[in-house]
Protein backbone atom coordinates (compact mmCIF):
# COMPACT_ATOMS: atom_id res chain seq x y z
CA MET A 1 81.66 122.54 82.08
CA ASP A 2 78.15 123.26 80.30
CA GLY A 3 76.88 126.69 79.58
CA ALA A 4 74.69 127.14 82.25
CA LYS A 5 77.09 126.35 84.67
CA ARG A 6 79.37 128.60 83.07
CA ARG A 7 76.65 131.57 82.71
CA GLU A 8 76.26 130.90 86.82
CA LYS A 9 79.90 131.34 87.15
CA ILE A 10 80.04 134.52 85.14
CA ILE A 11 77.19 136.25 87.29
CA GLU A 12 79.26 135.31 90.42
CA MET A 13 82.26 136.92 89.06
CA LEU A 14 80.70 139.57 88.08
CA GLU A 15 78.52 140.23 91.25
CA GLY A 16 81.83 139.54 93.54
CA GLY A 17 84.52 142.04 91.77
CA ASP A 18 84.51 145.53 91.70
CA VAL A 19 86.09 146.09 88.49
CA PRO A 20 84.98 145.27 84.75
CA VAL A 21 85.70 141.87 83.53
CA THR A 22 86.84 141.75 79.86
CA GLY A 23 85.36 138.98 77.45
CA THR A 24 88.70 137.95 76.92
CA ALA A 25 89.52 137.11 80.71
CA LEU A 26 86.62 135.04 81.03
CA ALA A 27 87.15 132.82 78.15
CA ALA A 28 90.64 132.39 79.26
CA GLN A 29 89.24 131.28 82.95
CA PHE A 30 86.97 129.24 81.29
CA GLY A 31 88.75 127.80 78.55
CA VAL A 32 86.17 128.68 75.62
CA SER A 33 86.16 131.47 73.14
CA ARG A 34 85.46 134.93 73.47
CA GLN A 35 82.58 134.47 70.88
CA VAL A 36 81.24 132.01 73.60
CA ILE A 37 81.46 134.77 76.14
CA VAL A 38 79.33 137.12 74.04
CA GLN A 39 77.16 134.67 73.33
CA ASP A 40 76.84 133.66 77.06
CA ILE A 41 76.40 137.25 78.24
CA ALA A 42 73.40 137.69 75.42
CA LEU A 43 71.70 134.99 76.97
CA LEU A 44 71.81 136.46 80.78
CA ARG A 45 70.93 140.08 79.74
CA ALA A 46 67.72 138.13 77.85
CA ILE A 47 66.89 136.60 81.54
CA ASP A 48 66.62 140.17 82.92
CA LYS A 49 70.73 140.11 84.18
CA ASN A 50 71.62 144.18 83.60
CA ILE A 51 75.26 143.31 82.42
CA ILE A 52 76.46 146.32 80.88
CA SER A 53 79.45 146.33 78.38
CA THR A 54 81.64 149.07 78.87
CA ASN A 55 85.09 149.98 77.34
CA LYS A 56 86.83 148.25 79.98
CA GLY A 57 85.04 144.93 80.09
CA TYR A 58 81.56 143.81 81.37
CA VAL A 59 79.85 144.80 84.60
CA LEU A 60 76.86 143.73 86.53
CA TYR A 61 74.80 147.31 87.01
CA SER A 62 72.41 147.29 89.67
CA ARG A 63 71.05 150.82 90.56
CA HIS A 64 71.75 152.35 93.76
CA GLN A 65 68.84 152.58 95.91
CA GLN A 66 66.70 156.01 96.06
CA SER A 67 69.34 157.42 93.39
CA SER A 68 68.27 160.29 91.22
CA LYS A 69 69.16 160.19 87.52
CA GLY A 70 69.56 162.94 84.59
CA ILE A 71 70.07 163.39 81.24
CA LEU A 72 72.71 166.11 80.73
CA HIS A 73 73.28 168.25 77.40
CA VAL A 74 77.15 169.26 77.13
CA LYS A 75 79.14 170.82 75.11
CA HIS A 76 83.06 171.39 75.12
CA ASN A 77 86.47 170.56 73.25
CA ASP A 78 88.68 167.56 73.77
CA ALA A 79 90.98 169.66 75.93
CA GLN A 80 88.36 170.25 78.33
CA MET A 81 87.10 166.48 78.77
CA ARG A 82 88.91 165.58 81.75
CA GLU A 83 87.78 168.79 83.36
CA GLU A 84 83.62 168.18 82.17
CA LEU A 85 84.09 164.31 83.89
CA ASN A 86 85.85 165.38 86.76
CA ALA A 87 83.17 168.14 87.67
CA ILE A 88 80.57 165.30 87.63
CA VAL A 89 82.54 162.69 90.02
CA ASP A 90 83.65 165.43 91.96
CA ALA A 91 80.38 166.11 93.10
CA GLY A 92 79.29 162.37 93.61
CA GLY A 93 77.90 161.46 89.97
CA ARG A 94 78.02 158.32 88.21
CA ILE A 95 78.49 159.22 84.16
CA LEU A 96 76.38 156.04 82.69
CA ASP A 97 77.22 156.80 79.17
CA VAL A 98 77.64 159.20 75.98
CA PHE A 99 75.25 159.41 73.19
CA VAL A 100 74.78 161.88 70.40
CA GLU A 101 71.70 162.26 68.04
CA HIS A 102 73.68 161.93 64.41
CA GLU A 103 71.74 163.47 61.65
CA VAL A 104 72.44 160.56 59.50
CA TYR A 105 72.72 157.73 61.67
CA GLY A 106 70.31 158.47 64.75
CA LEU A 107 71.35 157.86 68.39
CA ILE A 108 74.53 156.25 68.84
CA ALA A 109 75.38 155.64 72.46
CA VAL A 110 77.89 154.05 74.78
CA ASP A 111 78.06 152.52 78.10
CA LEU A 112 80.79 154.46 80.28
CA ILE A 113 80.30 154.13 83.95
CA ILE A 114 82.81 156.26 85.44
CA ASN A 115 82.54 156.58 89.19
CA SER A 116 85.51 158.20 90.13
CA ARG A 117 88.77 160.65 89.34
CA ARG A 118 90.76 156.92 88.65
CA ASP A 119 88.22 156.21 86.32
CA VAL A 120 88.04 159.56 84.18
CA ASP A 121 92.35 158.91 84.53
CA GLU A 122 91.56 155.24 82.80
CA PHE A 123 89.20 156.39 80.41
CA MET A 124 91.33 159.27 79.22
CA LYS A 125 94.67 157.34 79.01
CA ARG A 126 92.44 154.88 76.91
CA ILE A 127 91.45 157.57 74.71
CA THR A 128 94.88 159.04 73.87
CA GLU A 129 96.81 155.80 73.87
CA ASN A 130 94.43 154.08 71.41
CA ARG A 131 94.25 157.87 69.25
CA ALA A 132 90.72 157.42 69.64
CA LYS A 133 87.96 159.94 68.50
CA PRO A 134 85.81 161.05 71.20
CA LEU A 135 81.98 160.27 70.14
CA LYS A 136 80.84 163.95 70.38
CA GLU A 137 83.34 164.72 67.32
CA LEU A 138 80.30 163.44 65.32
CA THR A 139 78.43 166.05 66.40
CA CYS A 140 80.38 169.56 66.55
CA ASP A 141 81.27 168.87 70.46
CA GLU A 142 77.42 168.45 71.49
CA HIS A 143 76.89 165.33 73.40
CA PHE A 144 74.57 164.03 76.13
CA HIS A 145 75.80 162.20 79.23
CA THR A 146 73.03 160.11 81.46
CA ILE A 147 74.43 160.68 85.19
CA GLU A 148 73.12 158.99 88.19
CA ALA A 149 73.57 160.62 91.93
CA ASP A 150 72.23 159.93 95.54
CA ASN A 151 69.63 162.28 95.00
CA GLU A 152 68.35 165.35 93.21
CA GLN A 153 70.61 168.03 95.43
CA VAL A 154 73.88 166.18 94.24
CA LEU A 155 72.17 166.34 90.49
CA GLU A 156 71.50 169.66 90.98
CA GLU A 157 75.15 170.62 91.68
CA ILE A 158 76.58 168.77 88.98
CA LYS A 159 74.39 171.04 86.69
CA ARG A 160 75.41 173.77 88.65
CA ASN A 161 79.15 173.09 88.66
CA LEU A 162 78.96 172.55 84.69
CA LYS A 163 77.14 175.57 83.92
CA GLU A 164 79.68 177.58 85.54
CA ARG A 165 82.46 175.95 83.07
CA GLY A 166 80.28 176.85 80.17
CA PHE A 167 79.77 173.29 79.44
CA LEU A 168 75.93 172.82 79.87
CA LEU A 169 73.57 173.68 77.22
CA ASP A 170 70.31 173.26 78.44
CA PHE A 171 69.41 174.22 82.63
């Protein structure tokens, strides 16, 4: 299969799936190296395919129609991370990313795409199993999330929930 056809099939797989697809899985599917898949994804992004690389694999991201987006400045300790994420998704929010403003390295951002408690559980499990340090540890627990919600009212409810828990720094 040539590269153009493979990229077409990659888009079909990402459009038809409800779960992220890893580069390793795509490489096995098409009988190519993972590096070839990374190059294919870069080429697809160059032609305006909104493919996001998450900690669970690649997803084709399409914004929900008439959604509201906000950036939340938050702070909490490691033991409160699950509570923070669940507070957002329980209110109907989608956590698109996490980012920090590091005094030396500047902006460091990671796509998360957390939409449900199941996603929160999977994320927390990966952190624990890999003994990974959350990005917020680079900035004394302060960090930002880009949140998407169906409307402005849901976004405001998320902010109130986080403020009540003492996580939201700016309201």
